[in-house]
Amino acid sequence: MLLIGIVLILLSNSLLTEGMFLDGVTYACISRNMTIGLGSFWNPHYTQTIGNVFHSHPPLAFGLEALLFKAFGDHWWVEKLYSAVTFLVSGILIAAIWKRTTNRLRMAWLPLLFWSVMPIVSWSATNNMLENTMTVFVLLSVWLMILSYLKNNKIWLFLAGVALFGAFMSKGFTGLFPLVFPIIYCIFDDKRHWIQGSIDTLLLMVTLALLSGAMFLAFPASFAYLKTYFSLQVIGGGLHEATVSTRFYIVFRWLGQMIAPLVIITIVLILSKLKGNAKVFEFRSDKTWFLIFLILGFMGVLPIMVSLKQSGFYMQAALPFFALACGHFTFSKVNALTLKITPDLHKWMTLGASAILLTGIVLNLCNIGKYGRDEALIEDVKKRIAEADGSTVIEIAPEEFTNWAAHAYFMRYGKISLNPTQPNN
């Protein structure tokens, strides 16, 4: 109840309200357009004047979101629903990984708590970022790799490669950092050698290559699509475009995400010290998994420093592994503390958690029908759409053309593209 209540409170300003971060509205437009025949999976369409053929990102996330538009129709809340579903599925996969590493599913609320209090996580959960879909595939790949080692069956490793292919086709190369997981795992596993991990990583790369080749043969348009994507984003954007002044920007943003988890860890350590439990890792496996997930998390953050084109949400898929690391770091202490909860204390804790849950529900219900952001812009867009009288392209002042959010909302609400007014000769 406490976990759900905290999540609902964190999402209350944006879960059931209109308005979304520019990128999320853009991706919703592209997905909706696929559903109504504007563009296709291999030729996504944004607007007639911007991104008539949109190849800036791989298309899988657009295609999956288009399925929800197909199922529920063209409503402003469909992209919110898709975003929330990816958040929920990611949480389920974190719990599934936790179960495999601790065999204590009832304690899965612990890493989920660490994960949910990271600001980027709750922000992305309602802003329809491509990283949401990529995170699902990244977590699925790691879960499958863990199954492969626990069951000693390579078929799970092959399926992990399929999941990594899904991560790449959702947002590109930033979703491939779990390729190093086999090496990290085998380094810390006494029964295996790091060479085996290197071989397994190679097998994953071969799987990716085979799947790519099969895709190019089955869908020839996919090769041209990914070639254009590589040119626009990897070469043109990643290597030559700069959005930050220092390569350490992503590290600073990561430190900001870890403030709340570190506060929770500090509270746990203080309470454990007061109860006379000073040992950090009661079980050796917790220390091992702490190090594995910590290193894997950094593998998802530090490579972003290669480019000066950075944003905090680029590391979103790595954050669940820091949450799992924090969970293993505190697991034995939290477990010991829960065993000392008296019936009276349990009653008060239940009342407190119930109050937080009720607060979260009420806050979300009170925000239904309101705007989470861009209220003035959305209202103006809706008014001008009503005045457009069915036009699919309308002219705006040249100085307004660079208002990219206006392009997104005009297309999202009215299927209208914007064109700058030409100056008189």
Foldseek 3Di string as FASTA:
>chain_A
DLLLLVLLQLQLLFLQFFDAPLVLLQLLLQLCCCLVVQAHQLFTARAPVPPSGPLQFFRLLSPVLNVQCNVPNQDRNSLSVVLLVLLVLLLVLLLLQVCLLPVCSVLSSQLSSLLSQQNLSSRSSRRNDLVSQLLNLLSQLVSLVSVCVVVVPCVSLLVSLVSLLSSCSSGHDLSNLCLQLLLLLQVLDPVHHSVVSVVSSVVSVVSNVVVVVVCCVVPVSNVVSVVVNCVVPVVVNFAPNADADALCPLVVLVVSSCPVLVVVLVVLCVVLVVVVNNDQQPDPSLVSLLVSLVVSLVSSGNVSSVGNPDDNCSSSSSSSSNSSSSCSRRVVSVVVVVVPQDPVNVVVVVVVSVVSNVVSVVSNVVCNPHHSDPPVLLVVLVVVLVVVVLDQEDEDAPVCPPVSSNQSSNCSPRNHGYDYDDDDD
